[in-house]
Amino acid sequence: EIDKVVHNVLDSGWYILGKQVKAF
């Protein structure tokens, strides 16, 4: 699960204060 979300973030091109931070 962790590897999958890490790859998703890397592929997204957005690394600071994006959708993942807001969702968390």
mmCIF file of all heavy atoms, coordinates in Angstrom:
data_MODEL
# 
_entry.id   MODEL 
# 
loop_
_atom_site.group_PDB 
_atom_site.id 
_atom_site.type_symbol 
_atom_site.label_atom_id 
_atom_site.label_alt_id 
_atom_site.label_comp_id 
_atom_site.label_asym_id 
_atom_site.label_entity_id 
_atom_site.label_seq_id 
_atom_site.pdbx_PDB_ins_code 
_atom_site.Cartn_x 
_atom_site.Cartn_y 
_atom_site.Cartn_z 
_atom_site.occupancy 
_atom_site.B_iso_or_equiv 
_atom_site.pdbx_formal_charge 
_atom_site.auth_seq_id 
_atom_site.auth_comp_id 
_atom_site.auth_asym_id 
_atom_site.auth_atom_id 
_atom_site.pdbx_PDB_model_num 
ATOM 1   N N   . GLU A 1 1  ? 0.821  -1.206 0.000   1.00 0.00 ? 1  GLU A N   1 
ATOM 2   C CA  . GLU A 1 1  ? 0.000  0.000  0.000   1.00 0.00 ? 1  GLU A CA  1 
ATOM 3   C C   . GLU A 1 1  ? 0.860  1.263  0.000   1.00 0.00 ? 1  GLU A C   1 
ATOM 4   O O   . GLU A 1 1  ? 0.550  2.228  -0.703  1.00 0.00 ? 1  GLU A O   1 
ATOM 5   C CB  . GLU A 1 1  ? -0.916 0.009  1.230   1.00 0.00 ? 1  GLU A CB  1 
ATOM 6   C CG  . GLU A 1 1  ? -2.073 -0.966 1.154   1.00 0.00 ? 1  GLU A CG  1 
ATOM 7   C CD  . GLU A 1 1  ? -3.007 -0.811 2.330   1.00 0.00 ? 1  GLU A CD  1 
ATOM 8   O OE1 . GLU A 1 1  ? -3.733 0.206  2.376   1.00 0.00 ? 1  GLU A OE1 1 
ATOM 9   O OE2 . GLU A 1 1  ? -3.014 -1.688 3.206   1.00 0.00 ? 1  GLU A OE2 1 
ATOM 10  N N   . ILE A 1 2  ? 1.917  1.243  0.807   1.00 0.00 ? 2  ILE A N   1 
ATOM 11  C CA  . ILE A 1 2  ? 2.785  2.416  0.885   1.00 0.00 ? 2  ILE A CA  1 
ATOM 12  C C   . ILE A 1 2  ? 3.511  2.636  -0.432  1.00 0.00 ? 2  ILE A C   1 
ATOM 13  O O   . ILE A 1 2  ? 3.568  3.768  -0.945  1.00 0.00 ? 2  ILE A O   1 
ATOM 14  C CB  . ILE A 1 2  ? 3.777  2.283  2.055   1.00 0.00 ? 2  ILE A CB  1 
ATOM 15  C CG1 . ILE A 1 2  ? 3.025  2.395  3.386   1.00 0.00 ? 2  ILE A CG1 1 
ATOM 16  C CG2 . ILE A 1 2  ? 4.871  3.351  1.966   1.00 0.00 ? 2  ILE A CG2 1 
ATOM 17  C CD1 . ILE A 1 2  ? 3.870  2.109  4.600   1.00 0.00 ? 2  ILE A CD1 1 
ATOM 18  N N   . ASP A 1 3  ? 4.060  1.581  -0.992  1.00 0.00 ? 3  ASP A N   1 
ATOM 19  C CA  . ASP A 1 3  ? 4.771  1.716  -2.273  1.00 0.00 ? 3  ASP A CA  1 
ATOM 20  C C   . ASP A 1 3  ? 3.851  2.286  -3.354  1.00 0.00 ? 3  ASP A C   1 
ATOM 21  O O   . ASP A 1 3  ? 4.264  3.123  -4.174  1.00 0.00 ? 3  ASP A O   1 
ATOM 22  C CB  . ASP A 1 3  ? 5.324  0.364  -2.729  1.00 0.00 ? 3  ASP A CB  1 
ATOM 23  C CG  . ASP A 1 3  ? 6.525  -0.088 -1.912  1.00 0.00 ? 3  ASP A CG  1 
ATOM 24  O OD1 . ASP A 1 3  ? 7.002  0.693  -1.061  1.00 0.00 ? 3  ASP A OD1 1 
ATOM 25  O OD2 . ASP A 1 3  ? 6.988  -1.225 -2.121  1.00 0.00 ? 3  ASP A OD2 1 
ATOM 26  N N   . LYS A 1 4  ? 2.615  1.834  -3.351  1.00 0.00 ? 4  LYS A N   1 
ATOM 27  C CA  . LYS A 1 4  ? 1.667  2.302  -4.380  1.00 0.00 ? 4  LYS A CA  1 
ATOM 28  C C   . LYS A 1 4  ? 1.426  3.799  -4.252  1.00 0.00 ? 4  LYS A C   1 
ATOM 29  O O   . LYS A 1 4  ? 1.483  4.529  -5.266  1.00 0.00 ? 4  LYS A O   1 
ATOM 30  C CB  . LYS A 1 4  ? 0.345  1.546  -4.241  1.00 0.00 ? 4  LYS A CB  1 
ATOM 31  C CG  . LYS A 1 4  ? -0.704 1.964  -5.275  1.00 0.00 ? 4  LYS A CG  1 
ATOM 32  C CD  . LYS A 1 4  ? -1.986 1.155  -5.114  1.00 0.00 ? 4  LYS A CD  1 
ATOM 33  C CE  . LYS A 1 4  ? -3.033 1.611  -6.114  1.00 0.00 ? 4  LYS A CE  1 
ATOM 34  N NZ  . LYS A 1 4  ? -4.310 0.833  -5.979  1.00 0.00 ? 4  LYS A NZ  1 
ATOM 35  N N   . VAL A 1 5  ? 1.172  4.288  -3.021  1.00 0.00 ? 5  VAL A N   1 
ATOM 36  C CA  . VAL A 1 5  ? 0.869  5.725  -2.891  1.00 0.00 ? 5  VAL A CA  1 
ATOM 37  C C   . VAL A 1 5  ? 2.110  6.580  -3.115  1.00 0.00 ? 5  VAL A C   1 
ATOM 38  O O   . VAL A 1 5  ? 2.013  7.699  -3.631  1.00 0.00 ? 5  VAL A O   1 
ATOM 39  C CB  . VAL A 1 5  ? 0.224  6.046  -1.521  1.00 0.00 ? 5  VAL A CB  1 
ATOM 40  C CG1 . VAL A 1 5  ? -1.099 5.318  -1.376  1.00 0.00 ? 5  VAL A CG1 1 
ATOM 41  C CG2 . VAL A 1 5  ? 1.154  5.762  -0.354  1.00 0.00 ? 5  VAL A CG2 1 
ATOM 42  N N   . VAL A 1 6  ? 3.272  6.057  -2.766  1.00 0.00 ? 6  VAL A N   1 
ATOM 43  C CA  . VAL A 1 6  ? 4.516  6.790  -3.034  1.00 0.00 ? 6  VAL A CA  1 
ATOM 44  C C   . VAL A 1 6  ? 4.698  6.968  -4.539  1.00 0.00 ? 6  VAL A C   1 
ATOM 45  O O   . VAL A 1 6  ? 5.009  8.073  -5.017  1.00 0.00 ? 6  VAL A O   1 
ATOM 46  C CB  . VAL A 1 6  ? 5.724  6.075  -2.413  1.00 0.00 ? 6  VAL A CB  1 
ATOM 47  C CG1 . VAL A 1 6  ? 7.035  6.645  -2.959  1.00 0.00 ? 6  VAL A CG1 1 
ATOM 48  C CG2 . VAL A 1 6  ? 5.699  6.208  -0.890  1.00 0.00 ? 6  VAL A CG2 1 
ATOM 49  N N   . HIS A 1 7  ? 4.503  5.902  -5.299  1.00 0.00 ? 7  HIS A N   1 
ATOM 50  C CA  . HIS A 1 7  ? 4.632  5.996  -6.760  1.00 0.00 ? 7  HIS A CA  1 
ATOM 51  C C   . HIS A 1 7  ? 3.585  6.943  -7.343  1.00 0.00 ? 7  HIS A C   1 
ATOM 52  O O   . HIS A 1 7  ? 3.872  7.696  -8.289  1.00 0.00 ? 7  HIS A O   1 
ATOM 53  C CB  . HIS A 1 7  ? 4.517  4.613  -7.401  1.00 0.00 ? 7  HIS A CB  1 
ATOM 54  C CG  . HIS A 1 7  ? 5.750  3.772  -7.239  1.00 0.00 ? 7  HIS A CG  1 
ATOM 55  N ND1 . HIS A 1 7  ? 6.966  4.117  -7.801  1.00 0.00 ? 7  HIS A ND1 1 
ATOM 56  C CD2 . HIS A 1 7  ? 5.960  2.619  -6.561  1.00 0.00 ? 7  HIS A CD2 1 
ATOM 57  C CE1 . HIS A 1 7  ? 7.873  3.200  -7.482  1.00 0.00 ? 7  HIS A CE1 1 
ATOM 58  N NE2 . HIS A 1 7  ? 7.295  2.288  -6.727  1.00 0.00 ? 7  HIS A NE2 1 
ATOM 59  N N   . ASN A 1 8  ? 2.392  6.926  -6.773  1.00 0.00 ? 8  ASN A N   1 
ATOM 60  C CA  . ASN A 1 8  ? 1.347  7.834  -7.261  1.00 0.00 ? 8  ASN A CA  1 
ATOM 61  C C   . ASN A 1 8  ? 1.744  9.292  -7.059  1.00 0.00 ? 8  ASN A C   1 
ATOM 62  O O   . ASN A 1 8  ? 1.519  10.132 -7.934  1.00 0.00 ? 8  ASN A O   1 
ATOM 63  C CB  . ASN A 1 8  ? 0.025  7.549  -6.548  1.00 0.00 ? 8  ASN A CB  1 
ATOM 64  C CG  . ASN A 1 8  ? -0.631 6.259  -6.995  1.00 0.00 ? 8  ASN A CG  1 
ATOM 65  O OD1 . ASN A 1 8  ? -0.279 5.707  -8.039  1.00 0.00 ? 8  ASN A OD1 1 
ATOM 66  N ND2 . ASN A 1 8  ? -1.576 5.768  -6.217  1.00 0.00 ? 8  ASN A ND2 1 
ATOM 67  N N   . VAL A 1 9  ? 2.327  9.584  -5.902  1.00 0.00 ? 9  VAL A N   1 
ATOM 68  C CA  . VAL A 1 9  ? 2.780  10.953 -5.641  1.00 0.00 ? 9  VAL A CA  1 
ATOM 69  C C   . VAL A 1 9  ? 3.906  11.328 -6.597  1.00 0.00 ? 9  VAL A C   1 
ATOM 70  O O   . VAL A 1 9  ? 3.915  12.418 -7.183  1.00 0.00 ? 9  VAL A O   1 
ATOM 71  C CB  . VAL A 1 9  ? 3.224  11.129 -4.178  1.00 0.00 ? 9  VAL A CB  1 
ATOM 72  C CG1 . VAL A 1 9  ? 3.900  12.491 -3.982  1.00 0.00 ? 9  VAL A CG1 1 
ATOM 73  C CG2 . VAL A 1 9  ? 2.031  11.012 -3.237  1.00 0.00 ? 9  VAL A CG2 1 
ATOM 74  N N   . LEU A 1 10 ? 4.867  10.433 -6.760  1.00 0.00 ? 10 LEU A N   1 
ATOM 75  C CA  . LEU A 1 10 ? 5.987  10.718 -7.662  1.00 0.00 ? 10 LEU A CA  1 
ATOM 76  C C   . LEU A 1 10 ? 5.498  10.975 -9.079  1.00 0.00 ? 10 LEU A C   1 
ATOM 77  O O   . LEU A 1 10 ? 5.975  11.893 -9.762  1.00 0.00 ? 10 LEU A O   1 
ATOM 78  C CB  . LEU A 1 10 ? 6.980  9.552  -7.640  1.00 0.00 ? 10 LEU A CB  1 
ATOM 79  C CG  . LEU A 1 10 ? 7.720  9.314  -6.323  1.00 0.00 ? 10 LEU A CG  1 
ATOM 80  C CD1 . LEU A 1 10 ? 8.595  8.075  -6.428  1.00 0.00 ? 10 LEU A CD1 1 
ATOM 81  C CD2 . LEU A 1 10 ? 8.559  10.524 -5.945  1.00 0.00 ? 10 LEU A CD2 1 
ATOM 82  N N   . ASP A 1 11 ? 4.523  10.187 -9.511  1.00 0.00 ? 11 ASP A N   1 
ATOM 83  C CA  . ASP A 1 11 ? 3.982  10.352 -10.867 1.00 0.00 ? 11 ASP A CA  1 
ATOM 84  C C   . ASP A 1 11 ? 3.156  11.632 -11.007 1.00 0.00 ? 11 ASP A C   1 
ATOM 85  O O   . ASP A 1 11 ? 3.023  12.175 -12.102 1.00 0.00 ? 11 ASP A O   1 
ATOM 86  C CB  . ASP A 1 11 ? 3.105  9.151  -11.241 1.00 0.00 ? 11 ASP A CB  1 
ATOM 87  C CG  . ASP A 1 11 ? 3.920  7.894  -11.501 1.00 0.00 ? 11 ASP A CG  1 
ATOM 88  O OD1 . ASP A 1 11 ? 5.138  8.018  -11.748 1.00 0.00 ? 11 ASP A OD1 1 
ATOM 89  O OD2 . ASP A 1 11 ? 3.341  6.790  -11.438 1.00 0.00 ? 11 ASP A OD2 1 
ATOM 90  N N   . SER A 1 12 ? 2.618  12.129 -9.897  1.00 0.00 ? 12 SER A N   1 
ATOM 91  C CA  . SER A 1 12 ? 1.731  13.294 -9.965  1.00 0.00 ? 12 SER A CA  1 
ATOM 92  C C   . SER A 1 12 ? 2.476  14.579 -10.313 1.00 0.00 ? 12 SER A C   1 
ATOM 93  O O   . SER A 1 12 ? 1.903  15.497 -10.909 1.00 0.00 ? 12 SER A O   1 
ATOM 94  C CB  . SER A 1 12 ? 1.015  13.497 -8.626  1.00 0.00 ? 12 SER A CB  1 
ATOM 95  O OG  . SER A 1 12 ? 1.892  14.057 -7.646  1.00 0.00 ? 12 SER A OG  1 
ATOM 96  N N   . GLY A 1 13 ? 3.750  14.652 -9.928  1.00 0.00 ? 13 GLY A N   1 
ATOM 97  C CA  . GLY A 1 13 ? 4.528  15.858 -10.171 1.00 0.00 ? 13 GLY A CA  1 
ATOM 98  C C   . GLY A 1 13 ? 4.269  16.977 -9.173  1.00 0.00 ? 13 GLY A C   1 
ATOM 99  O O   . GLY A 1 13 ? 4.850  18.061 -9.277  1.00 0.00 ? 13 GLY A O   1 
ATOM 100 N N   . TRP A 1 14 ? 3.417  16.748 -8.175  1.00 0.00 ? 14 TRP A N   1 
ATOM 101 C CA  . TRP A 1 14 ? 3.110  17.757 -7.151  1.00 0.00 ? 14 TRP A CA  1 
ATOM 102 C C   . TRP A 1 14 ? 3.579  17.212 -5.812  1.00 0.00 ? 14 TRP A C   1 
ATOM 103 O O   . TRP A 1 14 ? 3.032  16.237 -5.319  1.00 0.00 ? 14 TRP A O   1 
ATOM 104 C CB  . TRP A 1 14 ? 1.604  18.036 -7.124  1.00 0.00 ? 14 TRP A CB  1 
ATOM 105 C CG  . TRP A 1 14 ? 1.260  19.291 -6.347  1.00 0.00 ? 14 TRP A CG  1 
ATOM 106 C CD1 . TRP A 1 14 ? 1.569  19.567 -5.046  1.00 0.00 ? 14 TRP A CD1 1 
ATOM 107 C CD2 . TRP A 1 14 ? 0.546  20.423 -6.835  1.00 0.00 ? 14 TRP A CD2 1 
ATOM 108 N NE1 . TRP A 1 14 ? 1.103  20.794 -4.679  1.00 0.00 ? 14 TRP A NE1 1 
ATOM 109 C CE2 . TRP A 1 14 ? 0.464  21.356 -5.765  1.00 0.00 ? 14 TRP A CE2 1 
ATOM 110 C CE3 . TRP A 1 14 ? -0.031 20.749 -8.059  1.00 0.00 ? 14 TRP A CE3 1 
ATOM 111 C CZ2 . TRP A 1 14 ? -0.183 22.583 -5.886  1.00 0.00 ? 14 TRP A CZ2 1 
ATOM 112 C CZ3 . TRP A 1 14 ? -0.675 21.974 -8.174  1.00 0.00 ? 14 TRP A CZ3 1 
ATOM 113 C CH2 . TRP A 1 14 ? -0.745 22.877 -7.107  1.00 0.00 ? 14 TRP A CH2 1 
ATOM 114 N N   . TYR A 1 15 ? 4.574  17.879 -5.189  1.00 0.00 ? 15 TYR A N   1 
ATOM 115 C CA  . TYR A 1 15 ? 5.263  17.281 -4.054  1.00 0.00 ? 15 TYR A CA  1 
ATOM 116 C C   . TYR A 1 15 ? 5.124  18.059 -2.742  1.00 0.00 ? 15 TYR A C   1 
ATOM 117 O O   . TYR A 1 15 ? 5.527  17.559 -1.694  1.00 0.00 ? 15 TYR A O   1 
ATOM 118 C CB  . TYR A 1 15 ? 6.747  17.099 -4.391  1.00 0.00 ? 15 TYR A CB  1 
ATOM 119 C CG  . TYR A 1 15 ? 6.963  16.337 -5.678  1.00 0.00 ? 15 TYR A CG  1 
ATOM 120 C CD1 . TYR A 1 15 ? 7.808  16.821 -6.671  1.00 0.00 ? 15 TYR A CD1 1 
ATOM 121 C CD2 . TYR A 1 15 ? 6.293  15.144 -5.920  1.00 0.00 ? 15 TYR A CD2 1 
ATOM 122 C CE1 . TYR A 1 15 ? 7.994  16.134 -7.862  1.00 0.00 ? 15 TYR A CE1 1 
ATOM 123 C CE2 . TYR A 1 15 ? 6.452  14.448 -7.102  1.00 0.00 ? 15 TYR A CE2 1 
ATOM 124 C CZ  . TYR A 1 15 ? 7.307  14.947 -8.073  1.00 0.00 ? 15 TYR A CZ  1 
ATOM 125 O OH  . TYR A 1 15 ? 7.475  14.263 -9.240  1.00 0.00 ? 15 TYR A OH  1 
ATOM 126 N N   . ILE A 1 16 ? 4.623  19.281 -2.794  1.00 0.00 ? 16 ILE A N   1 
ATOM 127 C CA  . ILE A 1 16 ? 4.491  20.101 -1.580  1.00 0.00 ? 16 ILE A CA  1 
ATOM 128 C C   . ILE A 1 16 ? 3.071  20.659 -1.501  1.00 0.00 ? 16 ILE A C   1 
ATOM 129 O O   . ILE A 1 16 ? 2.574  21.251 -2.474  1.00 0.00 ? 16 ILE A O   1 
ATOM 130 C CB  . ILE A 1 16 ? 5.507  21.275 -1.576  1.00 0.00 ? 16 ILE A CB  1 
ATOM 131 C CG1 . ILE A 1 16 ? 6.942  20.760 -1.548  1.00 0.00 ? 16 ILE A CG1 1 
ATOM 132 C CG2 . ILE A 1 16 ? 5.242  22.204 -0.391  1.00 0.00 ? 16 ILE A CG2 1 
ATOM 133 C CD1 . ILE A 1 16 ? 7.376  20.090 -0.255  1.00 0.00 ? 16 ILE A CD1 1 
ATOM 134 N N   . LEU A 1 17 ? 2.409  20.486 -0.343  1.00 0.00 ? 17 LEU A N   1 
ATOM 135 C CA  . LEU A 1 17 ? 1.097  21.086 -0.062  1.00 0.00 ? 17 LEU A CA  1 
ATOM 136 C C   . LEU A 1 17 ? 0.100  20.881 -1.210  1.00 0.00 ? 17 LEU A C   1 
ATOM 137 O O   . LEU A 1 17 ? -0.468 21.826 -1.748  1.00 0.00 ? 17 LEU A O   1 
ATOM 138 C CB  . LEU A 1 17 ? 1.241  22.585 0.258   1.00 0.00 ? 17 LEU A CB  1 
ATOM 139 C CG  . LEU A 1 17 ? 2.051  22.921 1.522   1.00 0.00 ? 17 LEU A CG  1 
ATOM 140 C CD1 . LEU A 1 17 ? 2.027  24.424 1.769   1.00 0.00 ? 17 LEU A CD1 1 
ATOM 141 C CD2 . LEU A 1 17 ? 1.548  22.188 2.744   1.00 0.00 ? 17 LEU A CD2 1 
ATOM 142 N N   . GLY A 1 18 ? -0.105 19.623 -1.524  1.00 0.00 ? 18 GLY A N   1 
ATOM 143 C CA  . GLY A 1 18 ? -1.066 19.285 -2.570  1.00 0.00 ? 18 GLY A CA  1 
ATOM 144 C C   . GLY A 1 18 ? -2.255 18.508 -2.029  1.00 0.00 ? 18 GLY A C   1 
ATOM 145 O O   . GLY A 1 18 ? -2.640 18.642 -0.860  1.00 0.00 ? 18 GLY A O   1 
ATOM 146 N N   . LYS A 1 19 ? -2.819 17.645 -2.863  1.00 0.00 ? 19 LYS A N   1 
ATOM 147 C CA  . LYS A 1 19 ? -4.029 16.911 -2.505  1.00 0.00 ? 19 LYS A CA  1 
ATOM 148 C C   . LYS A 1 19 ? -3.822 15.957 -1.346  1.00 0.00 ? 19 LYS A C   1 
ATOM 149 O O   . LYS A 1 19 ? -4.727 15.762 -0.530  1.00 0.00 ? 19 LYS A O   1 
ATOM 150 C CB  . LYS A 1 19 ? -4.544 16.148 -3.731  1.00 0.00 ? 19 LYS A CB  1 
ATOM 151 C CG  . LYS A 1 19 ? -5.025 17.038 -4.870  1.00 0.00 ? 19 LYS A CG  1 
ATOM 152 C CD  . LYS A 1 19 ? -5.499 16.205 -6.045  1.00 0.00 ? 19 LYS A CD  1 
ATOM 153 C CE  . LYS A 1 19 ? -5.984 17.084 -7.194  1.00 0.00 ? 19 LYS A CE  1 
ATOM 154 N NZ  . LYS A 1 19 ? -6.421 16.267 -8.361  1.00 0.00 ? 19 LYS A NZ  1 
ATOM 155 N N   . GLN A 1 20 ? -2.656 15.342 -1.277  1.00 0.00 ? 20 GLN A N   1 
ATOM 156 C CA  . GLN A 1 20 ? -2.411 14.374 -0.202  1.00 0.00 ? 20 GLN A CA  1 
ATOM 157 C C   . GLN A 1 20 ? -2.385 15.057 1.167   1.00 0.00 ? 20 GLN A C   1 
ATOM 158 O O   . GLN A 1 20 ? -2.937 14.534 2.137   1.00 0.00 ? 20 GLN A O   1 
ATOM 159 C CB  . GLN A 1 20 ? -1.096 13.628 -0.449  1.00 0.00 ? 20 GLN A CB  1 
ATOM 160 C CG  . GLN A 1 20 ? -1.098 12.723 -1.662  1.00 0.00 ? 20 GLN A CG  1 
ATOM 161 C CD  . GLN A 1 20 ? -2.088 11.580 -1.529  1.00 0.00 ? 20 GLN A CD  1 
ATOM 162 O OE1 . GLN A 1 20 ? -2.357 11.093 -0.439  1.00 0.00 ? 20 GLN A OE1 1 
ATOM 163 N NE2 . GLN A 1 20 ? -2.625 11.136 -2.660  1.00 0.00 ? 20 GLN A NE2 1 
ATOM 164 N N   . VAL A 1 21 ? -1.738 16.205 1.252   1.00 0.00 ? 21 VAL A N   1 
ATOM 165 C CA  . VAL A 1 21 ? -1.688 16.933 2.523   1.00 0.00 ? 21 VAL A CA  1 
ATOM 166 C C   . VAL A 1 21 ? -3.091 17.360 2.935   1.00 0.00 ? 21 VAL A C   1 
ATOM 167 O O   . VAL A 1 21 ? -3.498 17.182 4.095   1.00 0.00 ? 21 VAL A O   1 
ATOM 168 C CB  . VAL A 1 21 ? -0.739 18.147 2.430   1.00 0.00 ? 21 VAL A CB  1 
ATOM 169 C CG1 . VAL A 1 21 ? -0.880 19.039 3.659   1.00 0.00 ? 21 VAL A CG1 1 
ATOM 170 C CG2 . VAL A 1 21 ? 0.707  17.676 2.298   1.00 0.00 ? 21 VAL A CG2 1 
ATOM 171 N N   . LYS A 1 22 ? -3.842 17.926 2.010   1.00 0.00 ? 22 LYS A N   1 
ATOM 172 C CA  . LYS A 1 22 ? -5.201 18.372 2.336   1.00 0.00 ? 22 LYS A CA  1 
ATOM 173 C C   . LYS A 1 22 ? -6.074 17.202 2.795   1.00 0.00 ? 22 LYS A C   1 
ATOM 174 O O   . LYS A 1 22 ? -6.856 17.322 3.749   1.00 0.00 ? 22 LYS A O   1 
ATOM 175 C CB  . LYS A 1 22 ? -5.832 19.067 1.133   1.00 0.00 ? 22 LYS A CB  1 
ATOM 176 C CG  . LYS A 1 22 ? -5.225 20.433 0.824   1.00 0.00 ? 22 LYS A CG  1 
ATOM 177 C CD  . LYS A 1 22 ? -5.892 21.073 -0.381  1.00 0.00 ? 22 LYS A CD  1 
ATOM 178 C CE  . LYS A 1 22 ? -5.271 22.434 -0.692  1.00 0.00 ? 22 LYS A CE  1 
ATOM 179 N NZ  . LYS A 1 22 ? -5.875 23.047 -1.904  1.00 0.00 ? 22 LYS A NZ  1 
ATOM 180 N N   . ALA A 1 23 ? -5.930 16.075 2.116   1.00 0.00 ? 23 ALA A N   1 
ATOM 181 C CA  . ALA A 1 23 ? -6.730 14.901 2.486   1.00 0.00 ? 23 ALA A CA  1 
ATOM 182 C C   . ALA A 1 23 ? -6.323 14.370 3.857   1.00 0.00 ? 23 ALA A C   1 
ATOM 183 O O   . ALA A 1 23 ? -7.177 14.022 4.678   1.00 0.00 ? 23 ALA A O   1 
ATOM 184 C CB  . ALA A 1 23 ? -6.581 13.813 1.427   1.00 0.00 ? 23 ALA A CB  1 
ATOM 185 N N   . PHE A 1 24 ? -5.009 14.319 4.104   1.00 0.00 ? 24 PHE A N   1 
ATOM 186 C CA  . PHE A 1 24 ? -4.565 13.845 5.417   1.00 0.00 ? 24 PHE A CA  1 
ATOM 187 C C   . PHE A 1 24 ? -5.036 14.786 6.513   1.00 0.00 ? 24 PHE A C   1 
ATOM 188 O O   . PHE A 1 24 ? -5.480 14.332 7.587   1.00 0.00 ? 24 PHE A O   1 
ATOM 189 C CB  . PHE A 1 24 ? -3.051 13.701 5.471   1.00 0.00 ? 24 PHE A CB  1 
ATOM 190 C CG  . PHE A 1 24 ? -2.565 13.383 6.862   1.00 0.00 ? 24 PHE A CG  1 
ATOM 191 C CD1 . PHE A 1 24 ? -2.773 12.122 7.408   1.00 0.00 ? 24 PHE A CD1 1 
ATOM 192 C CD2 . PHE A 1 24 ? -1.947 14.350 7.645   1.00 0.00 ? 24 PHE A CD2 1 
ATOM 193 C CE1 . PHE A 1 24 ? -2.369 11.831 8.707   1.00 0.00 ? 24 PHE A CE1 1 
ATOM 194 C CE2 . PHE A 1 24 ? -1.541 14.074 8.935   1.00 0.00 ? 24 PHE A CE2 1 
ATOM 195 C CZ  . PHE A 1 24 ? -1.746 12.803 9.478   1.00 0.00 ? 24 PHE A CZ  1 
# 
